[in-house]
Amino acid sequence: QGSVLGPLLYLVYTADIPTQTSTSMATF
């Protein structure tokens, strides 16, 4: 918490969230 690298590490951790062709994904 409160770190500079924390947000980047979370993006890497959730980068492989599943997607499929019949739907579109929008994440922030």
mmCIF file of all heavy atoms, coordinates in Angstrom:
data_MODEL
# 
_entry.id   MODEL 
# 
loop_
_atom_site.group_PDB 
_atom_site.id 
_atom_site.type_symbol 
_atom_site.label_atom_id 
_atom_site.label_alt_id 
_atom_site.label_comp_id 
_atom_site.label_asym_id 
_atom_site.label_entity_id 
_atom_site.label_seq_id 
_atom_site.pdbx_PDB_ins_code 
_atom_site.Cartn_x 
_atom_site.Cartn_y 
_atom_site.Cartn_z 
_atom_site.occupancy 
_atom_site.B_iso_or_equiv 
_atom_site.pdbx_formal_charge 
_atom_site.auth_seq_id 
_atom_site.auth_comp_id 
_atom_site.auth_asym_id 
_atom_site.auth_atom_id 
_atom_site.pdbx_PDB_model_num 
ATOM 1   N N   . GLN A 1 1  ? 0.832   -1.198  0.000   1.00 0.00 ? 1  GLN A N   1 
ATOM 2   C CA  . GLN A 1 1  ? 0.000   0.000   0.000   1.00 0.00 ? 1  GLN A CA  1 
ATOM 3   C C   . GLN A 1 1  ? 0.869   1.251   0.000   1.00 0.00 ? 1  GLN A C   1 
ATOM 4   O O   . GLN A 1 1  ? 1.864   1.327   0.707   1.00 0.00 ? 1  GLN A O   1 
ATOM 5   C CB  . GLN A 1 1  ? -0.892  -0.002  1.237   1.00 0.00 ? 1  GLN A CB  1 
ATOM 6   C CG  . GLN A 1 1  ? -2.135  -0.823  1.083   1.00 0.00 ? 1  GLN A CG  1 
ATOM 7   C CD  . GLN A 1 1  ? -3.383  0.038   1.185   1.00 0.00 ? 1  GLN A CD  1 
ATOM 8   O OE1 . GLN A 1 1  ? -3.311  1.230   1.452   1.00 0.00 ? 1  GLN A OE1 1 
ATOM 9   N NE2 . GLN A 1 1  ? -4.522  -0.563  0.948   1.00 0.00 ? 1  GLN A NE2 1 
ATOM 10  N N   . GLY A 1 2  ? 0.471   2.239   -0.785  1.00 0.00 ? 2  GLY A N   1 
ATOM 11  C CA  . GLY A 1 2  ? 1.193   3.494   -0.846  1.00 0.00 ? 2  GLY A CA  1 
ATOM 12  C C   . GLY A 1 2  ? 2.494   3.437   -1.615  1.00 0.00 ? 2  GLY A C   1 
ATOM 13  O O   . GLY A 1 2  ? 3.246   4.408   -1.616  1.00 0.00 ? 2  GLY A O   1 
ATOM 14  N N   . SER A 1 3  ? 2.781   2.318   -2.286  1.00 0.00 ? 3  SER A N   1 
ATOM 15  C CA  . SER A 1 3  ? 4.031   2.178   -3.017  1.00 0.00 ? 3  SER A CA  1 
ATOM 16  C C   . SER A 1 3  ? 3.864   2.635   -4.459  1.00 0.00 ? 3  SER A C   1 
ATOM 17  O O   . SER A 1 3  ? 2.751   2.841   -4.953  1.00 0.00 ? 3  SER A O   1 
ATOM 18  C CB  . SER A 1 3  ? 4.510   0.724   -2.982  1.00 0.00 ? 3  SER A CB  1 
ATOM 19  O OG  . SER A 1 3  ? 3.576   -0.116  -3.649  1.00 0.00 ? 3  SER A OG  1 
ATOM 20  N N   . VAL A 1 4  ? 4.979   2.759   -5.152  1.00 0.00 ? 4  VAL A N   1 
ATOM 21  C CA  . VAL A 1 4  ? 4.967   3.146   -6.556  1.00 0.00 ? 4  VAL A CA  1 
ATOM 22  C C   . VAL A 1 4  ? 4.785   1.927   -7.448  1.00 0.00 ? 4  VAL A C   1 
ATOM 23  O O   . VAL A 1 4  ? 4.116   1.991   -8.486  1.00 0.00 ? 4  VAL A O   1 
ATOM 24  C CB  . VAL A 1 4  ? 6.266   3.899   -6.908  1.00 0.00 ? 4  VAL A CB  1 
ATOM 25  C CG1 . VAL A 1 4  ? 6.305   4.275   -8.378  1.00 0.00 ? 4  VAL A CG1 1 
ATOM 26  C CG2 . VAL A 1 4  ? 6.415   5.137   -6.036  1.00 0.00 ? 4  VAL A CG2 1 
ATOM 27  N N   . LEU A 1 5  ? 5.364   0.797   -7.061  1.00 0.00 ? 5  LEU A N   1 
ATOM 28  C CA  . LEU A 1 5  ? 5.292   -0.422  -7.864  1.00 0.00 ? 5  LEU A CA  1 
ATOM 29  C C   . LEU A 1 5  ? 4.000   -1.199  -7.633  1.00 0.00 ? 5  LEU A C   1 
ATOM 30  O O   . LEU A 1 5  ? 3.705   -2.121  -8.417  1.00 0.00 ? 5  LEU A O   1 
ATOM 31  C CB  . LEU A 1 5  ? 6.482   -1.326  -7.532  1.00 0.00 ? 5  LEU A CB  1 
ATOM 32  C CG  . LEU A 1 5  ? 7.858   -0.825  -7.953  1.00 0.00 ? 5  LEU A CG  1 
ATOM 33  C CD1 . LEU A 1 5  ? 8.935   -1.771  -7.453  1.00 0.00 ? 5  LEU A CD1 1 
ATOM 34  C CD2 . LEU A 1 5  ? 7.942   -0.694  -9.467  1.00 0.00 ? 5  LEU A CD2 1 
ATOM 35  N N   . GLY A 1 6  ? 3.237   -0.885  -6.597  1.00 0.00 ? 6  GLY A N   1 
ATOM 36  C CA  . GLY A 1 6  ? 2.029   -1.645  -6.287  1.00 0.00 ? 6  GLY A CA  1 
ATOM 37  C C   . GLY A 1 6  ? 1.034   -1.717  -7.433  1.00 0.00 ? 6  GLY A C   1 
ATOM 38  O O   . GLY A 1 6  ? 0.586   -2.825  -7.789  1.00 0.00 ? 6  GLY A O   1 
ATOM 39  N N   . PRO A 1 7  ? 0.646   -0.599  -8.060  1.00 0.00 ? 7  PRO A N   1 
ATOM 40  C CA  . PRO A 1 7  ? -0.305  -0.693  -9.180  1.00 0.00 ? 7  PRO A CA  1 
ATOM 41  C C   . PRO A 1 7  ? 0.209   -1.531  -10.342 1.00 0.00 ? 7  PRO A C   1 
ATOM 42  O O   . PRO A 1 7  ? -0.551  -2.305  -10.938 1.00 0.00 ? 7  PRO A O   1 
ATOM 43  C CB  . PRO A 1 7  ? -0.500  0.778   -9.586  1.00 0.00 ? 7  PRO A CB  1 
ATOM 44  C CG  . PRO A 1 7  ? -0.190  1.553   -8.360  1.00 0.00 ? 7  PRO A CG  1 
ATOM 45  C CD  . PRO A 1 7  ? 0.898   0.803   -7.679  1.00 0.00 ? 7  PRO A CD  1 
ATOM 46  N N   . LEU A 1 8  ? 1.503   -1.405  -10.685 1.00 0.00 ? 8  LEU A N   1 
ATOM 47  C CA  . LEU A 1 8  ? 2.049   -2.196  -11.785 1.00 0.00 ? 8  LEU A CA  1 
ATOM 48  C C   . LEU A 1 8  ? 2.012   -3.683  -11.459 1.00 0.00 ? 8  LEU A C   1 
ATOM 49  O O   . LEU A 1 8  ? 1.689   -4.519  -12.321 1.00 0.00 ? 8  LEU A O   1 
ATOM 50  C CB  . LEU A 1 8  ? 3.477   -1.742  -12.087 1.00 0.00 ? 8  LEU A CB  1 
ATOM 51  C CG  . LEU A 1 8  ? 4.210   -2.519  -13.181 1.00 0.00 ? 8  LEU A CG  1 
ATOM 52  C CD1 . LEU A 1 8  ? 3.526   -2.313  -14.523 1.00 0.00 ? 8  LEU A CD1 1 
ATOM 53  C CD2 . LEU A 1 8  ? 5.667   -2.114  -13.253 1.00 0.00 ? 8  LEU A CD2 1 
ATOM 54  N N   . LEU A 1 9  ? 2.333   -4.050  -10.228 1.00 0.00 ? 9  LEU A N   1 
ATOM 55  C CA  . LEU A 1 9  ? 2.304   -5.458  -9.841  1.00 0.00 ? 9  LEU A CA  1 
ATOM 56  C C   . LEU A 1 9  ? 0.888   -6.013  -9.919  1.00 0.00 ? 9  LEU A C   1 
ATOM 57  O O   . LEU A 1 9  ? 0.687   -7.177  -10.291 1.00 0.00 ? 9  LEU A O   1 
ATOM 58  C CB  . LEU A 1 9  ? 2.870   -5.624  -8.435  1.00 0.00 ? 9  LEU A CB  1 
ATOM 59  C CG  . LEU A 1 9  ? 4.346   -5.263  -8.248  1.00 0.00 ? 9  LEU A CG  1 
ATOM 60  C CD1 . LEU A 1 9  ? 4.762   -5.427  -6.802  1.00 0.00 ? 9  LEU A CD1 1 
ATOM 61  C CD2 . LEU A 1 9  ? 5.229   -6.106  -9.159  1.00 0.00 ? 9  LEU A CD2 1 
ATOM 62  N N   . TYR A 1 10 ? -0.106  -5.203  -9.584  1.00 0.00 ? 10 TYR A N   1 
ATOM 63  C CA  . TYR A 1 10 ? -1.486  -5.681  -9.686  1.00 0.00 ? 10 TYR A CA  1 
ATOM 64  C C   . TYR A 1 10 ? -1.875  -5.893  -11.152 1.00 0.00 ? 10 TYR A C   1 
ATOM 65  O O   . TYR A 1 10 ? -2.588  -6.852  -11.477 1.00 0.00 ? 10 TYR A O   1 
ATOM 66  C CB  . TYR A 1 10 ? -2.437  -4.694  -9.022  1.00 0.00 ? 10 TYR A CB  1 
ATOM 67  C CG  . TYR A 1 10 ? -3.878  -5.152  -9.065  1.00 0.00 ? 10 TYR A CG  1 
ATOM 68  C CD1 . TYR A 1 10 ? -4.350  -6.070  -8.143  1.00 0.00 ? 10 TYR A CD1 1 
ATOM 69  C CD2 . TYR A 1 10 ? -4.752  -4.688  -10.040 1.00 0.00 ? 10 TYR A CD2 1 
ATOM 70  C CE1 . TYR A 1 10 ? -5.664  -6.513  -8.178  1.00 0.00 ? 10 TYR A CE1 1 
ATOM 71  C CE2 . TYR A 1 10 ? -6.066  -5.122  -10.092 1.00 0.00 ? 10 TYR A CE2 1 
ATOM 72  C CZ  . TYR A 1 10 ? -6.514  -6.032  -9.163  1.00 0.00 ? 10 TYR A CZ  1 
ATOM 73  O OH  . TYR A 1 10 ? -7.810  -6.465  -9.224  1.00 0.00 ? 10 TYR A OH  1 
ATOM 74  N N   . LEU A 1 11 ? -1.424  -5.020  -12.037 1.00 0.00 ? 11 LEU A N   1 
ATOM 75  C CA  . LEU A 1 11 ? -1.740  -5.204  -13.454 1.00 0.00 ? 11 LEU A CA  1 
ATOM 76  C C   . LEU A 1 11 ? -1.124  -6.489  -13.983 1.00 0.00 ? 11 LEU A C   1 
ATOM 77  O O   . LEU A 1 11 ? -1.742  -7.204  -14.787 1.00 0.00 ? 11 LEU A O   1 
ATOM 78  C CB  . LEU A 1 11 ? -1.236  -3.999  -14.262 1.00 0.00 ? 11 LEU A CB  1 
ATOM 79  C CG  . LEU A 1 11 ? -1.859  -2.633  -13.957 1.00 0.00 ? 11 LEU A CG  1 
ATOM 80  C CD1 . LEU A 1 11 ? -1.357  -1.595  -14.938 1.00 0.00 ? 11 LEU A CD1 1 
ATOM 81  C CD2 . LEU A 1 11 ? -3.376  -2.707  -13.961 1.00 0.00 ? 11 LEU A CD2 1 
ATOM 82  N N   . VAL A 1 12 ? 0.097   -6.799  -13.564 1.00 0.00 ? 12 VAL A N   1 
ATOM 83  C CA  . VAL A 1 12 ? 0.739   -8.045  -13.997 1.00 0.00 ? 12 VAL A CA  1 
ATOM 84  C C   . VAL A 1 12 ? -0.004  -9.247  -13.426 1.00 0.00 ? 12 VAL A C   1 
ATOM 85  O O   . VAL A 1 12 ? -0.185  -10.269 -14.109 1.00 0.00 ? 12 VAL A O   1 
ATOM 86  C CB  . VAL A 1 12 ? 2.217   -8.050  -13.576 1.00 0.00 ? 12 VAL A CB  1 
ATOM 87  C CG1 . VAL A 1 12 ? 2.869   -9.388  -13.875 1.00 0.00 ? 12 VAL A CG1 1 
ATOM 88  C CG2 . VAL A 1 12 ? 2.982   -6.932  -14.279 1.00 0.00 ? 12 VAL A CG2 1 
ATOM 89  N N   . TYR A 1 13 ? -0.452  -9.132  -12.191 1.00 0.00 ? 13 TYR A N   1 
ATOM 90  C CA  . TYR A 1 13 ? -1.127  -10.255 -11.543 1.00 0.00 ? 13 TYR A CA  1 
ATOM 91  C C   . TYR A 1 13 ? -2.452  -10.586 -12.217 1.00 0.00 ? 13 TYR A C   1 
ATOM 92  O O   . TYR A 1 13 ? -2.852  -11.762 -12.274 1.00 0.00 ? 13 TYR A O   1 
ATOM 93  C CB  . TYR A 1 13 ? -1.344  -9.917  -10.070 1.00 0.00 ? 13 TYR A CB  1 
ATOM 94  C CG  . TYR A 1 13 ? -1.891  -11.054 -9.252  1.00 0.00 ? 13 TYR A CG  1 
ATOM 95  C CD1 . TYR A 1 13 ? -1.146  -12.213 -9.057  1.00 0.00 ? 13 TYR A CD1 1 
ATOM 96  C CD2 . TYR A 1 13 ? -3.153  -10.971 -8.668  1.00 0.00 ? 13 TYR A CD2 1 
ATOM 97  C CE1 . TYR A 1 13 ? -1.645  -13.261 -8.299  1.00 0.00 ? 13 TYR A CE1 1 
ATOM 98  C CE2 . TYR A 1 13 ? -3.661  -12.008 -7.904  1.00 0.00 ? 13 TYR A CE2 1 
ATOM 99  C CZ  . TYR A 1 13 ? -2.904  -13.154 -7.719  1.00 0.00 ? 13 TYR A CZ  1 
ATOM 100 O OH  . TYR A 1 13 ? -3.396  -14.192 -6.977  1.00 0.00 ? 13 TYR A OH  1 
ATOM 101 N N   . THR A 1 14 ? -3.161  -9.586  -12.715 1.00 0.00 ? 14 THR A N   1 
ATOM 102 C CA  . THR A 1 14 ? -4.474  -9.804  -13.342 1.00 0.00 ? 14 THR A CA  1 
ATOM 103 C C   . THR A 1 14 ? -4.420  -9.723  -14.854 1.00 0.00 ? 14 THR A C   1 
ATOM 104 O O   . THR A 1 14 ? -5.468  -9.609  -15.497 1.00 0.00 ? 14 THR A O   1 
ATOM 105 C CB  . THR A 1 14 ? -5.474  -8.772  -12.815 1.00 0.00 ? 14 THR A CB  1 
ATOM 106 O OG1 . THR A 1 14 ? -4.988  -7.441  -13.099 1.00 0.00 ? 14 THR A OG1 1 
ATOM 107 C CG2 . THR A 1 14 ? -5.663  -8.911  -11.318 1.00 0.00 ? 14 THR A CG2 1 
ATOM 108 N N   . ALA A 1 15 ? -3.223  -9.786  -15.449 1.00 0.00 ? 15 ALA A N   1 
ATOM 109 C CA  . ALA A 1 15 ? -3.111  -9.624  -16.903 1.00 0.00 ? 15 ALA A CA  1 
ATOM 110 C C   . ALA A 1 15 ? -3.712  -10.795 -17.658 1.00 0.00 ? 15 ALA A C   1 
ATOM 111 O O   . ALA A 1 15 ? -4.165  -10.629 -18.803 1.00 0.00 ? 15 ALA A O   1 
ATOM 112 C CB  . ALA A 1 15 ? -1.645  -9.445  -17.295 1.00 0.00 ? 15 ALA A CB  1 
ATOM 113 N N   . ASP A 1 16 ? -3.724  -11.981 -17.075 1.00 0.00 ? 16 ASP A N   1 
ATOM 114 C CA  . ASP A 1 16 ? -4.240  -13.165 -17.764 1.00 0.00 ? 16 ASP A CA  1 
ATOM 115 C C   . ASP A 1 16 ? -5.708  -13.427 -17.455 1.00 0.00 ? 16 ASP A C   1 
ATOM 116 O O   . ASP A 1 16 ? -6.160  -14.582 -17.547 1.00 0.00 ? 16 ASP A O   1 
ATOM 117 C CB  . ASP A 1 16 ? -3.403  -14.387 -17.401 1.00 0.00 ? 16 ASP A CB  1 
ATOM 118 C CG  . ASP A 1 16 ? -3.404  -14.667 -15.900 1.00 0.00 ? 16 ASP A CG  1 
ATOM 119 O OD1 . ASP A 1 16 ? -3.771  -13.751 -15.135 1.00 0.00 ? 16 ASP A OD1 1 
ATOM 120 O OD2 . ASP A 1 16 ? -3.022  -15.778 -15.497 1.00 0.00 ? 16 ASP A OD2 1 
ATOM 121 N N   . ILE A 1 17 ? -6.457  -12.401 -17.116 1.00 0.00 ? 17 ILE A N   1 
ATOM 122 C CA  . ILE A 1 17 ? -7.880  -12.571 -16.877 1.00 0.00 ? 17 ILE A CA  1 
ATOM 123 C C   . ILE A 1 17 ? -8.535  -13.105 -18.143 1.00 0.00 ? 17 ILE A C   1 
ATOM 124 O O   . ILE A 1 17 ? -8.218  -12.647 -19.259 1.00 0.00 ? 17 ILE A O   1 
ATOM 125 C CB  . ILE A 1 17 ? -8.515  -11.244 -16.420 1.00 0.00 ? 17 ILE A CB  1 
ATOM 126 C CG1 . ILE A 1 17 ? -9.977  -11.431 -16.037 1.00 0.00 ? 17 ILE A CG1 1 
ATOM 127 C CG2 . ILE A 1 17 ? -8.365  -10.169 -17.479 1.00 0.00 ? 17 ILE A CG2 1 
ATOM 128 C CD1 . ILE A 1 17 ? -10.601 -10.206 -15.383 1.00 0.00 ? 17 ILE A CD1 1 
ATOM 129 N N   . PRO A 1 18 ? -9.412  -14.099 -18.066 1.00 0.00 ? 18 PRO A N   1 
ATOM 130 C CA  . PRO A 1 18 ? -9.918  -14.745 -19.290 1.00 0.00 ? 18 PRO A CA  1 
ATOM 131 C C   . PRO A 1 18 ? -10.788 -13.814 -20.127 1.00 0.00 ? 18 PRO A C   1 
ATOM 132 O O   . PRO A 1 18 ? -11.555 -12.994 -19.607 1.00 0.00 ? 18 PRO A O   1 
ATOM 133 C CB  . PRO A 1 18 ? -10.722 -15.938 -18.746 1.00 0.00 ? 18 PRO A CB  1 
ATOM 134 C CG  . PRO A 1 18 ? -11.063 -15.572 -17.341 1.00 0.00 ? 18 PRO A CG  1 
ATOM 135 C CD  . PRO A 1 18 ? -9.927  -14.743 -16.840 1.00 0.00 ? 18 PRO A CD  1 
ATOM 136 N N   . THR A 1 19 ? -10.669 -13.963 -21.428 1.00 0.00 ? 19 THR A N   1 
ATOM 137 C CA  . THR A 1 19 ? -11.488 -13.253 -22.406 1.00 0.00 ? 19 THR A CA  1 
ATOM 138 C C   . THR A 1 19 ? -12.021 -14.266 -23.411 1.00 0.00 ? 19 THR A C   1 
ATOM 139 O O   . THR A 1 19 ? -11.528 -15.394 -23.498 1.00 0.00 ? 19 THR A O   1 
ATOM 140 C CB  . THR A 1 19 ? -10.678 -12.171 -23.138 1.00 0.00 ? 19 THR A CB  1 
ATOM 141 O OG1 . THR A 1 19 ? -9.555  -12.785 -23.800 1.00 0.00 ? 19 THR A OG1 1 
ATOM 142 C CG2 . THR A 1 19 ? -10.163 -11.126 -22.172 1.00 0.00 ? 19 THR A CG2 1 
ATOM 143 N N   . GLN A 1 20 ? -13.015 -13.871 -24.167 1.00 0.00 ? 20 GLN A N   1 
ATOM 144 C CA  . GLN A 1 20 ? -13.542 -14.725 -25.226 1.00 0.00 ? 20 GLN A CA  1 
ATOM 145 C C   . GLN A 1 20 ? -14.082 -13.847 -26.337 1.00 0.00 ? 20 GLN A C   1 
ATOM 146 O O   . GLN A 1 20 ? -14.337 -12.654 -26.154 1.00 0.00 ? 20 GLN A O   1 
ATOM 147 C CB  . GLN A 1 20 ? -14.615 -15.679 -24.702 1.00 0.00 ? 20 GLN A CB  1 
ATOM 148 C CG  . GLN A 1 20 ? -15.838 -15.020 -24.110 1.00 0.00 ? 20 GLN A CG  1 
ATOM 149 C CD  . GLN A 1 20 ? -16.826 -16.048 -23.588 1.00 0.00 ? 20 GLN A CD  1 
ATOM 150 O OE1 . GLN A 1 20 ? -16.446 -17.151 -23.183 1.00 0.00 ? 20 GLN A OE1 1 
ATOM 151 N NE2 . GLN A 1 20 ? -18.106 -15.706 -23.607 1.00 0.00 ? 20 GLN A NE2 1 
ATOM 152 N N   . THR A 1 21 ? -14.248 -14.467 -27.510 1.00 0.00 ? 21 THR A N   1 
ATOM 153 C CA  . THR A 1 21 ? -14.593 -13.706 -28.723 1.00 0.00 ? 21 THR A CA  1 
ATOM 154 C C   . THR A 1 21 ? -16.032 -13.207 -28.705 1.00 0.00 ? 21 THR A C   1 
ATOM 155 O O   . THR A 1 21 ? -16.329 -12.188 -29.323 1.00 0.00 ? 21 THR A O   1 
ATOM 156 C CB  . THR A 1 21 ? -14.382 -14.589 -29.956 1.00 0.00 ? 21 THR A CB  1 
ATOM 157 O OG1 . THR A 1 21 ? -15.150 -15.802 -29.812 1.00 0.00 ? 21 THR A OG1 1 
ATOM 158 C CG2 . THR A 1 21 ? -12.899 -14.958 -30.097 1.00 0.00 ? 21 THR A CG2 1 
ATOM 159 N N   . SER A 1 22 ? -16.936 -13.897 -28.015 1.00 0.00 ? 22 SER A N   1 
ATOM 160 C CA  . SER A 1 22 ? -18.344 -13.488 -28.028 1.00 0.00 ? 22 SER A CA  1 
ATOM 161 C C   . SER A 1 22 ? -18.634 -12.342 -27.074 1.00 0.00 ? 22 SER A C   1 
ATOM 162 O O   . SER A 1 22 ? -19.754 -11.821 -27.053 1.00 0.00 ? 22 SER A O   1 
ATOM 163 C CB  . SER A 1 22 ? -19.241 -14.680 -27.676 1.00 0.00 ? 22 SER A CB  1 
ATOM 164 O OG  . SER A 1 22 ? -18.924 -15.183 -26.386 1.00 0.00 ? 22 SER A OG  1 
ATOM 165 N N   . THR A 1 23 ? -17.664 -11.937 -26.277 1.00 0.00 ? 23 THR A N   1 
ATOM 166 C CA  . THR A 1 23 ? -17.841 -10.815 -25.350 1.00 0.00 ? 23 THR A CA  1 
ATOM 167 C C   . THR A 1 23 ? -16.656 -9.868  -25.503 1.00 0.00 ? 23 THR A C   1 
ATOM 168 O O   . THR A 1 23 ? -15.614 -10.226 -26.063 1.00 0.00 ? 23 THR A O   1 
ATOM 169 C CB  . THR A 1 23 ? -17.920 -11.294 -23.890 1.00 0.00 ? 23 THR A CB  1 
ATOM 170 O OG1 . THR A 1 23 ? -16.719 -11.996 -23.561 1.00 0.00 ? 23 THR A OG1 1 
ATOM 171 C CG2 . THR A 1 23 ? -19.119 -12.195 -23.677 1.00 0.00 ? 23 THR A CG2 1 
ATOM 172 N N   . SER A 1 24 ? -16.832 -8.664  -25.021 1.00 0.00 ? 24 SER A N   1 
ATOM 173 C CA  . SER A 1 24 ? -15.755 -7.677  -24.988 1.00 0.00 ? 24 SER A CA  1 
ATOM 174 C C   . SER A 1 24 ? -15.460 -7.307  -23.539 1.00 0.00 ? 24 SER A C   1 
ATOM 175 O O   . SER A 1 24 ? -16.379 -7.218  -22.714 1.00 0.00 ? 24 SER A O   1 
ATOM 176 C CB  . SER A 1 24 ? -16.131 -6.425  -25.793 1.00 0.00 ? 24 SER A CB  1 
ATOM 177 O OG  . SER A 1 24 ? -17.247 -5.783  -25.208 1.00 0.00 ? 24 SER A OG  1 
ATOM 178 N N   . MET A 1 25 ? -14.186 -7.087  -23.262 1.00 0.00 ? 25 MET A N   1 
ATOM 179 C CA  . MET A 1 25 ? -13.731 -6.817  -21.902 1.00 0.00 ? 25 MET A CA  1 
ATOM 180 C C   . MET A 1 25 ? -13.218 -5.391  -21.822 1.00 0.00 ? 25 MET A C   1 
ATOM 181 O O   . MET A 1 25 ? -12.523 -4.909  -22.721 1.00 0.00 ? 25 MET A O   1 
ATOM 182 C CB  . MET A 1 25 ? -12.635 -7.804  -21.519 1.00 0.00 ? 25 MET A CB  1 
ATOM 183 C CG  . MET A 1 25 ? -12.011 -7.564  -20.166 1.00 0.00 ? 25 MET A CG  1 
ATOM 184 S SD  . MET A 1 25 ? -12.989 -8.195  -18.815 1.00 0.00 ? 25 MET A SD  1 
ATOM 185 C CE  . MET A 1 25 ? -12.669 -9.951  -19.008 1.00 0.00 ? 25 MET A CE  1 
ATOM 186 N N   . ALA A 1 26 ? -13.541 -4.718  -20.726 1.00 0.00 ? 26 ALA A N   1 
ATOM 187 C CA  . ALA A 1 26 ? -13.036 -3.374  -20.448 1.00 0.00 ? 26 ALA A CA  1 
ATOM 188 C C   . ALA A 1 26 ? -12.663 -3.335  -18.977 1.00 0.00 ? 26 ALA A C   1 
ATOM 189 O O   . ALA A 1 26 ? -13.527 -3.485  -18.106 1.00 0.00 ? 26 ALA A O   1 
ATOM 190 C CB  . ALA A 1 26 ? -14.084 -2.308  -20.766 1.00 0.00 ? 26 ALA A CB  1 
ATOM 191 N N   . THR A 1 27 ? -11.378 -3.161  -18.686 1.00 0.00 ? 27 THR A N   1 
ATOM 192 C CA  . THR A 1 27 ? -10.901 -3.149  -17.305 1.00 0.00 ? 27 THR A CA  1 
ATOM 193 C C   . THR A 1 27 ? -10.105 -1.883  -17.043 1.00 0.00 ? 27 THR A C   1 
ATOM 194 O O   . THR A 1 27 ? -9.417  -1.364  -17.924 1.00 0.00 ? 27 THR A O   1 
ATOM 195 C CB  . THR A 1 27 ? -10.022 -4.383  -17.013 1.00 0.00 ? 27 THR A CB  1 
ATOM 196 O OG1 . THR A 1 27 ? -8.946  -4.423  -17.961 1.00 0.00 ? 27 THR A OG1 1 
ATOM 197 C CG2 . THR A 1 27 ? -10.822 -5.663  -17.108 1.00 0.00 ? 27 THR A CG2 1 
ATOM 198 N N   . PHE A 1 28 ? -10.226 -1.410  -15.825 1.00 0.00 ? 28 PHE A N   1 
ATOM 199 C CA  . PHE A 1 28 ? -9.425  -0.292  -15.342 1.00 0.00 ? 28 PHE A CA  1 
ATOM 200 C C   . PHE A 1 28 ? -9.025  -0.642  -13.916 1.00 0.00 ? 28 PHE A C   1 
ATOM 201 O O   . PHE A 1 28 ? -9.798  -0.463  -12.982 1.00 0.00 ? 28 PHE A O   1 
ATOM 202 C CB  . PHE A 1 28 ? -10.207 1.022   -15.385 1.00 0.00 ? 28 PHE A CB  1 
ATOM 203 C CG  . PHE A 1 28 ? -9.347  2.239   -15.239 1.00 0.00 ? 28 PHE A CG  1 
ATOM 204 C CD1 . PHE A 1 28 ? -8.911  2.933   -16.348 1.00 0.00 ? 28 PHE A CD1 1 
ATOM 205 C CD2 . PHE A 1 28 ? -8.950  2.686   -13.983 1.00 0.00 ? 28 PHE A CD2 1 
ATOM 206 C CE1 . PHE A 1 28 ? -8.119  4.048   -16.225 1.00 0.00 ? 28 PHE A CE1 1 
ATOM 207 C CE2 . PHE A 1 28 ? -8.151  3.801   -13.852 1.00 0.00 ? 28 PHE A CE2 1 
ATOM 208 C CZ  . PHE A 1 28 ? -7.727  4.489   -14.973 1.00 0.00 ? 28 PHE A CZ  1 
# 
